[in-house]
Structure formats: C-alpha cells, structure tokens
C-alpha atoms as a PDB file:
ATOM      1  CA  UNK A   1      86.773  43.666 141.928  1.00  0.00           C
ATOM      2  CA  UNK A   2      85.739  47.140 141.245  1.00  0.00           C
ATOM      3  CA  UNK A   3      85.928  47.757 137.384  1.00  0.00           C
ATOM      4  CA  UNK A   4      88.590  50.431 136.066  1.00  0.00           C
ATOM      5  CA  UNK A   5      87.514  54.387 135.998  1.00  0.00           C
ATOM      6  CA  UNK A   6      86.880  55.462 132.242  1.00  0.00           C
ATOM      7  CA  UNK A   7      87.008  59.078 132.338  1.00  0.00           C
ATOM      8  CA  UNK A   8      85.638  60.912 128.912  1.00  0.00           C
ATOM      9  CA  UNK A   9      88.151  63.316 127.219  1.00  0.00           C
ATOM     10  CA  UNK A  10      88.332  66.611 128.181  1.00  0.00           C
ATOM     11  CA  UNK A  11      87.017  69.028 125.574  1.00  0.00           C
ATOM     12  CA  UNK A  12      89.352  70.996 123.705  1.00  0.00           C
ATOM     13  CA  UNK A  13      89.701  74.410 124.252  1.00  0.00           C
ATOM     14  CA  UNK A  14      90.600  77.174 121.294  1.00  0.00           C
ATOM     15  CA  UNK A  15      93.386  79.504 121.402  1.00  0.00           C
ATOM     16  CA  UNK A  16      91.452  82.544 121.502  1.00  0.00           C
ATOM     17  CA  UNK A  17      89.684  85.088 121.931  1.00  0.00           C
ATOM     18  CA  UNK A  18      91.617  87.171 123.769  1.00  0.00           C
ATOM     19  CA  UNK A  19      90.952  89.145 127.420  1.00  0.00           C
ATOM     20  CA  UNK A  20      92.801  92.396 127.488  1.00  0.00           C
ATOM     21  CA  UNK A  21      94.734  92.099 130.459  1.00  0.00           C
ATOM     22  CA  UNK A  22      97.867  90.807 130.737  1.00  0.00           C
ATOM     23  CA  UNK A  23      98.413  89.686 127.259  1.00  0.00           C
ATOM     24  CA  UNK A  24      98.736  93.319 124.962  1.00  0.00           C
ATOM     25  CA  UNK A  25     100.550  95.982 126.244  1.00  0.00           C
ATOM     26  CA  UNK A  26     100.846  99.449 124.825  1.00  0.00           C
ATOM     27  CA  UNK A  27     104.146  98.706 123.565  1.00  0.00           C
ATOM     28  CA  UNK A  28     104.011  95.167 122.589  1.00  0.00           C
ATOM     29  CA  UNK A  29     104.123  95.773 118.539  1.00  0.00           C
ATOM     30  CA  UNK A  30     107.174  98.038 119.370  1.00  0.00           C
ATOM     31  CA  UNK A  31     110.444  95.765 119.474  1.00  0.00           C
ATOM     32  CA  UNK A  32     112.652  98.975 118.933  1.00  0.00           C
ATOM     33  CA  UNK A  33     111.159 102.185 120.571  1.00  0.00           C
ATOM     34  CA  UNK A  34     109.496 104.788 117.606  1.00  0.00           C
ATOM     35  CA  UNK A  35     112.122 106.542 115.950  1.00  0.00           C
ATOM     36  CA  UNK A  36     115.139 104.251 116.392  1.00  0.00           C
ATOM     37  CA  UNK A  37     117.555 104.679 113.698  1.00  0.00           C
ATOM     38  CA  UNK A  38     117.228 101.640 111.405  1.00  0.00           C
ATOM     39  CA  UNK A  39     114.177 100.790 112.482  1.00  0.00           C
ATOM     40  CA  UNK A  40     111.171  98.943 109.814  1.00  0.00           C
ATOM     41  CA  UNK A  41     107.920  98.099 110.332  1.00  0.00           C
ATOM     42  CA  UNK A  42     106.542  94.943 109.029  1.00  0.00           C
ATOM     43  CA  UNK A  43     102.562  94.738 108.760  1.00  0.00           C
ATOM     44  CA  UNK A  44      99.885  93.008 107.112  1.00  0.00           C
ATOM     45  CA  UNK A  45      96.417  91.540 107.085  1.00  0.00           C
ATOM     46  CA  UNK A  46      95.442  87.899 109.118  1.00  0.00           C
ATOM     47  CA  UNK A  47      92.515  85.988 106.986  1.00  0.00           C
ATOM     48  CA  UNK A  48      90.672  82.988 107.527  1.00  0.00           C
ATOM     49  CA  UNK A  49      90.248  80.019 105.192  1.00  0.00           C
ATOM     50  CA  UNK A  50      87.341  82.089 103.700  1.00  0.00           C
ATOM     51  CA  UNK A  51      89.642  85.134 102.849  1.00  0.00           C
ATOM     52  CA  UNK A  52      87.496  87.072 105.622  1.00  0.00           C
ATOM     53  CA  UNK A  53      89.479  89.404 108.164  1.00  0.00           C
ATOM     54  CA  UNK A  54      90.296  87.874 111.490  1.00  0.00           C
ATOM     55  CA  UNK A  55      89.773  90.645 113.905  1.00  0.00           C
ATOM     56  CA  UNK A  56      90.844  88.963 117.061  1.00  0.00           C
ATOM     57  CA  UNK A  57      93.991  87.357 116.178  1.00  0.00           C
ATOM     58  CA  UNK A  58      97.401  87.591 117.955  1.00  0.00           C
ATOM     59  CA  UNK A  59     100.575  87.829 116.209  1.00  0.00           C
ATOM     60  CA  UNK A  60     103.888  87.468 117.984  1.00  0.00           C
ATOM     61  CA  UNK A  61     107.386  87.514 116.795  1.00  0.00           C
ATOM     62  CA  UNK A  62     110.735  86.651 117.673  1.00  0.00           C
ATOM     63  CA  UNK A  63     114.275  87.576 115.837  1.00  0.00           C
ATOM     64  CA  UNK A  64     117.914  87.924 115.944  1.00  0.00           C
ATOM     65  CA  UNK A  65     119.364  91.707 116.169  1.00  0.00           C
ATOM     66  CA  UNK A  66     121.010  93.060 112.867  1.00  0.00           C
ATOM     67  CA  UNK A  67     124.271  90.735 113.758  1.00  0.00           C
ATOM     68  CA  UNK A  68     122.376  87.694 114.005  1.00  0.00           C
ATOM     69  CA  UNK A  69     122.220  87.703 117.457  1.00  0.00           C
ATOM     70  CA  UNK A  70     119.428  87.209 120.596  1.00  0.00           C
ATOM     71  CA  UNK A  71     118.537  89.435 123.265  1.00  0.00           C
ATOM     72  CA  UNK A  72     118.231  86.016 125.576  1.00  0.00           C
ATOM     73  CA  UNK A  73     120.254  84.381 128.279  1.00  0.00           C
ATOM     74  CA  UNK A  74     120.637  81.379 125.800  1.00  0.00           C
ATOM     75  CA  UNK A  75     122.708  83.349 123.519  1.00  0.00           C
ATOM     76  CA  UNK A  76     126.208  83.617 124.502  1.00  0.00           C
ATOM     77  CA  UNK A  77     127.270  86.048 122.166  1.00  0.00           C
ATOM     78  CA  UNK A  78     125.186  88.599 123.290  1.00  0.00           C
ATOM     79  CA  UNK A  79     122.932  91.331 121.829  1.00  0.00           C
ATOM     80  CA  UNK A  80     125.043  94.495 120.701  1.00  0.00           C
ATOM     81  CA  UNK A  81     121.729  96.138 118.907  1.00  0.00           C
ATOM     82  CA  UNK A  82     120.780  99.521 119.637  1.00  0.00           C
ATOM     83  CA  UNK A  83     119.202 100.026 122.985  1.00  0.00           C
ATOM     84  CA  UNK A  84     115.662  98.924 123.682  1.00  0.00           C
ATOM     85  CA  UNK A  85     115.836  96.033 121.456  1.00  0.00           C
ATOM     86  CA  UNK A  86     114.181  93.030 122.916  1.00  0.00           C
ATOM     87  CA  UNK A  87     113.518  90.626 119.978  1.00  0.00           C
ATOM     88  CA  UNK A  88     110.055  90.223 120.774  1.00  0.00           C
ATOM     89  CA  UNK A  89     106.723  91.390 119.545  1.00  0.00           C
ATOM     90  CA  UNK A  90     103.070  91.164 120.071  1.00  0.00           C
ATOM     91  CA  UNK A  91     100.489  92.963 118.549  1.00  0.00           C
ATOM     92  CA  UNK A  92      96.654  92.266 118.410  1.00  0.00           C
ATOM     93  CA  UNK A  93      94.930  92.539 115.208  1.00  0.00           C
ATOM     94  CA  UNK A  94      92.371  95.496 114.531  1.00  0.00           C
ATOM     95  CA  UNK A  95      88.937  95.781 113.063  1.00  0.00           C
ATOM     96  CA  UNK A  96      90.100  95.383 109.831  1.00  0.00           C
ATOM     97  CA  UNK A  97      92.368  92.011 111.057  1.00  0.00           C
ATOM     98  CA  UNK A  98      95.401  94.295 110.607  1.00  0.00           C
ATOM     99  CA  UNK A  99      98.760  93.978 112.730  1.00  0.00           C
ATOM    100  CA  UNK A 100     101.537  95.919 112.683  1.00  0.00           C
ATOM    101  CA  UNK A 101     105.370  95.431 114.326  1.00  0.00           C
ATOM    102  CA  UNK A 102     108.472  98.083 114.385  1.00  0.00           C
ATOM    103  CA  UNK A 103     111.671  96.350 114.765  1.00  0.00           C
ATOM    104  CA  UNK A 104     115.105  96.042 113.265  1.00  0.00           C
ATOM    105  CA  UNK A 105     116.063  93.973 110.343  1.00  0.00           C
ATOM    106  CA  UNK A 106     117.499  90.855 111.703  1.00  0.00           C
ATOM    107  CA  UNK A 107     121.069  89.535 110.383  1.00  0.00           C
ATOM    108  CA  UNK A 108     121.572  86.319 109.102  1.00  0.00           C
ATOM    109  CA  UNK A 109     122.143  83.649 111.993  1.00  0.00           C
ATOM    110  CA  UNK A 110     123.575  79.736 112.003  1.00  0.00           C
ATOM    111  CA  UNK A 111     121.741  76.911 111.021  1.00  0.00           C
ATOM    112  CA  UNK A 112     121.396  74.529 113.805  1.00  0.00           C
ATOM    113  CA  UNK A 113     123.216  72.041 112.537  1.00  0.00           C
ATOM    114  CA  UNK A 114     126.234  73.653 113.676  1.00  0.00           C
ATOM    115  CA  UNK A 115     128.066  73.015 109.948  1.00  0.00           C
ATOM    116  CA  UNK A 116     128.577  76.544 109.423  1.00  0.00           C
ATOM    117  CA  UNK A 117     125.668  77.386 107.364  1.00  0.00           C
ATOM    118  CA  UNK A 118     123.615  80.259 107.587  1.00  0.00           C
ATOM    119  CA  UNK A 119     119.924  80.975 107.486  1.00  0.00           C
ATOM    120  CA  UNK A 120     118.836  84.029 105.933  1.00  0.00           C
ATOM    121  CA  UNK A 121     117.165  87.074 107.975  1.00  0.00           C
ATOM    122  CA  UNK A 122     114.086  86.081 109.232  1.00  0.00           C
ATOM    123  CA  UNK A 123     111.193  86.390 111.655  1.00  0.00           C
ATOM    124  CA  UNK A 124     109.821  83.548 113.460  1.00  0.00           C
ATOM    125  CA  UNK A 125     106.072  84.465 113.962  1.00  0.00           C
ATOM    126  CA  UNK A 126     103.258  82.679 115.809  1.00  0.00           C
ATOM    127  CA  UNK A 127      99.652  83.406 115.334  1.00  0.00           C
ATOM    128  CA  UNK A 128      96.954  82.837 117.699  1.00  0.00           C
ATOM    129  CA  UNK A 129      93.076  83.286 117.044  1.00  0.00           C
ATOM    130  CA  UNK A 130      89.611  81.854 117.836  1.00  0.00           C
ATOM    131  CA  UNK A 131      89.303  78.441 116.606  1.00  0.00           C
ATOM    132  CA  UNK A 132      93.059  77.341 116.989  1.00  0.00           C
ATOM    133  CA  UNK A 133      93.677  74.519 119.219  1.00  0.00           C
ATOM    134  CA  UNK A 134      97.336  75.384 119.374  1.00  0.00           C
ATOM    135  CA  UNK A 135      99.349  78.409 117.749  1.00  0.00           C
ATOM    136  CA  UNK A 136     100.370  78.563 114.276  1.00  0.00           C
ATOM    137  CA  UNK A 137     104.330  79.070 113.392  1.00  0.00           C
ATOM    138  CA  UNK A 138     105.972  80.531 110.249  1.00  0.00           C
ATOM    139  CA  UNK A 139     108.549  82.803 108.977  1.00  0.00           C
ATOM    140  CA  UNK A 140     108.656  86.071 107.354  1.00  0.00           C
ATOM    141  CA  UNK A 141     111.518  86.434 104.959  1.00  0.00           C
ATOM    142  CA  UNK A 142     112.472  89.661 103.124  1.00  0.00           C
ATOM    143  CA  UNK A 143     112.525  89.921  99.093  1.00  0.00           C
ATOM    144  CA  UNK A 144     115.797  91.774  98.514  1.00  0.00           C
ATOM    145  CA  UNK A 145     117.853  88.863 100.067  1.00  0.00           C
ATOM    146  CA  UNK A 146     117.328  86.699  97.362  1.00  0.00           C
ATOM    147  CA  UNK A 147     120.509  84.915  97.335  1.00  0.00           C
ATOM    148  CA  UNK A 148     120.437  84.122 101.108  1.00  0.00           C
ATOM    149  CA  UNK A 149     116.766  83.012 100.605  1.00  0.00           C
ATOM    150  CA  UNK A 150     117.918  80.467  97.793  1.00  0.00           C
ATOM    151  CA  UNK A 151     120.421  79.191 100.176  1.00  0.00           C
ATOM    152  CA  UNK A 152     118.482  78.840 103.117  1.00  0.00           C
ATOM    153  CA  UNK A 153     117.327  75.278 104.314  1.00  0.00           C
ATOM    154  CA  UNK A 154     114.147  76.093 105.537  1.00  0.00           C
ATOM    155  CA  UNK A 155     112.750  77.716 102.611  1.00  0.00           C
ATOM    156  CA  UNK A 156     114.506  75.097 100.134  1.00  0.00           C
ATOM    157  CA  UNK A 157     112.701  72.730 101.997  1.00  0.00           C
ATOM    158  CA  UNK A 158     109.743  73.932 100.509  1.00  0.00           C
ATOM    159  CA  UNK A 159     109.889  72.546  96.744  1.00  0.00           C
ATOM    160  CA  UNK A 160     106.712  74.362  95.522  1.00  0.00           C
ATOM    161  CA  UNK A 161     107.636  78.441  94.615  1.00  0.00           C
ATOM    162  CA  UNK A 162     103.936  79.433  94.910  1.00  0.00           C
ATOM    163  CA  UNK A 163     103.919  77.899  98.811  1.00  0.00           C
ATOM    164  CA  UNK A 164     107.668  79.441  99.068  1.00  0.00           C
ATOM    165  CA  UNK A 165     106.187  82.934  98.311  1.00  0.00           C
ATOM    166  CA  UNK A 166     103.879  82.746 100.742  1.00  0.00           C
ATOM    167  CA  UNK A 167     106.622  83.477 103.276  1.00  0.00           C
ATOM    168  CA  UNK A 168     108.464  86.290 101.740  1.00  0.00           C
ATOM    169  CA  UNK A 169     107.293  89.475 102.817  1.00  0.00           C
ATOM    170  CA  UNK A 170     106.440  92.203  99.980  1.00  0.00           C
ATOM    171  CA  UNK A 171     107.753  95.800  99.904  1.00  0.00           C
ATOM    172  CA  UNK A 172     105.657  98.722 100.304  1.00  0.00           C
ATOM    173  CA  UNK A 173     105.974 100.965  97.341  1.00  0.00           C
ATOM    174  CA  UNK A 174     107.639 104.384  98.409  1.00  0.00           C
ATOM    175  CA  UNK A 175     108.537 103.383 101.940  1.00  0.00           C
ATOM    176  CA  UNK A 176     112.118 101.433 101.906  1.00  0.00           C
ATOM    177  CA  UNK A 177     111.325 100.921 105.351  1.00  0.00           C
ATOM    178  CA  UNK A 178     108.056  99.166 105.014  1.00  0.00           C
ATOM    179  CA  UNK A 179     107.111  95.591 104.321  1.00  0.00           C
ATOM    180  CA  UNK A 180     103.880  93.919 103.943  1.00  0.00           C
ATOM    181  CA  UNK A 181     103.237  90.156 105.213  1.00  0.00           C
ATOM    182  CA  UNK A 182      99.706  88.943 104.888  1.00  0.00           C
ATOM    183  CA  UNK A 183      98.899  85.607 106.931  1.00  0.00           C
ATOM    184  CA  UNK A 184      96.159  83.347 105.272  1.00  0.00           C
ATOM    185  CA  UNK A 185      95.293  80.838 108.040  1.00  0.00           C
ATOM    186  CA  UNK A 186      93.340  78.274 105.874  1.00  0.00           C
ATOM    187  CA  UNK A 187      93.106  77.709 101.813  1.00  0.00           C
ATOM    188  CA  UNK A 188      93.872  76.755  98.827  1.00  0.00           C
ATOM    189  CA  UNK A 189      97.551  77.231  97.508  1.00  0.00           C
ATOM    190  CA  UNK A 190      96.270  79.989  95.044  1.00  0.00           C
ATOM    191  CA  UNK A 191      93.595  82.633  95.873  1.00  0.00           C
ATOM    192  CA  UNK A 192      91.839  84.299  93.111  1.00  0.00           C
ATOM    193  CA  UNK A 193      90.756  87.031  94.875  1.00  0.00           C
ATOM    194  CA  UNK A 194      93.125  87.764  97.856  1.00  0.00           C
ATOM    195  CA  UNK A 195      96.402  86.485  96.029  1.00  0.00           C
ATOM    196  CA  UNK A 196      98.795  84.238  97.940  1.00  0.00           C
ATOM    197  CA  UNK A 197      96.790  81.197  99.352  1.00  0.00           C
ATOM    198  CA  UNK A 198      97.014  79.519 102.479  1.00  0.00           C
ATOM    199  CA  UNK A 199     100.733  80.458 104.604  1.00  0.00           C
ATOM    200  CA  UNK A 200     102.929  77.682 105.037  1.00  0.00           C
ATOM    201  CA  UNK A 201     103.324  76.886 108.573  1.00  0.00           C
ATOM    202  CA  UNK A 202     105.609  74.661 110.630  1.00  0.00           C
ATOM    203  CA  UNK A 203     104.945  71.336 112.702  1.00  0.00           C
ATOM    204  CA  UNK A 204     106.650  72.370 115.900  1.00  0.00           C
END
C-alpha cells in the first residue's frame, strides 16, 4: 500500500513591495476630481513598529458620499454625490512614507444591525505593505463629529480612550478642508517620540 503523500506548506508571501504596473494610476488618490466643491484632503505618514516611515506602502480608502450612500450597485439607494465621485481611493506612499487622498466628507450611514442606529462619518482604510501577509483594515473618523463619534458602535467597542484616538484624524491648522491621519503599523499604545502608538486595526 502506498503511504499518503504529505506536502510541505507553501511559503507565505508578503503583500508588498508593489510593481508600478496596474496598481497605481494617476488619479487614484482623487476620489473626486481636483477643484470639486466641498472637497477635503486626508493625508499622513505610514510608520512601522520602530517609528520609521514606510516608503512602499499602499493605502486604499472606501467611503459613503455626503448623504451616506455608496457609489456601488449593492447600494440600491444610489449615490447623489458630485459628478466624478467614486467612493474609492488608492495612494502609494512616497519616499517620506506620506500619502494623501482628495475626497468628499462622508455622511452618516445605517449600522449593519438595521435597527435604525447610525455610524459616524468615516472612511474605511486598507493598508498594504512589505512584510504584511494580508492587508490591515482600519477607519478614519473626524475630530469635529464628537456626538456622532460617541454614538458610533465601532468606536464604542474600543474601551481605551488612547487606542480609540488612533482612529480619529486631526484637523490641519489653518486648513479647514484638510485632515491628518497617521498610520502606525506596530508599536506600543503610546509612543513618546511620535505621539499616538499602534493604530487600531480590525479583524475582518
């Protein structure tokens, strides 16, 4: 009788680095065209566990429009946002680990429970980078949506206020339409050199 064949595990592959063919495209960071009325910018630096910039990461965003609707066939309500709004953005980090997305501010949207509750305005974010076996998923919330943020079930599930703060963007001084959101891939909850520690990521 022939013994059963046992094969070794296939070696794991990381999610980066990325080839510049097909993945990035010139208007990838523009969820809406430049100059769109009401457009905002959200950008920041992706850092590794040592606090060093990650220069070959890819940041993707997905969001609702200002009415809380998605520009996607699975949302039967349809998007009523300005022409050119697609809800999806993709930006590679530069030599300083920086990324930036130009978009519209999203509205509140129903929770998945369907109980009439609303989630606070936010962007869903996926991060791909060298050394990651899969994407990391997080969210960006807005600092001036305090009441909505306090009622958001996802933020409420994070008990530690310092950890919760890693999901809230910071307004850029002097730029009412600009927000900063740094992403820390690993690290302690609080970093003395760079401020906020490891970003909260979700198990999805």
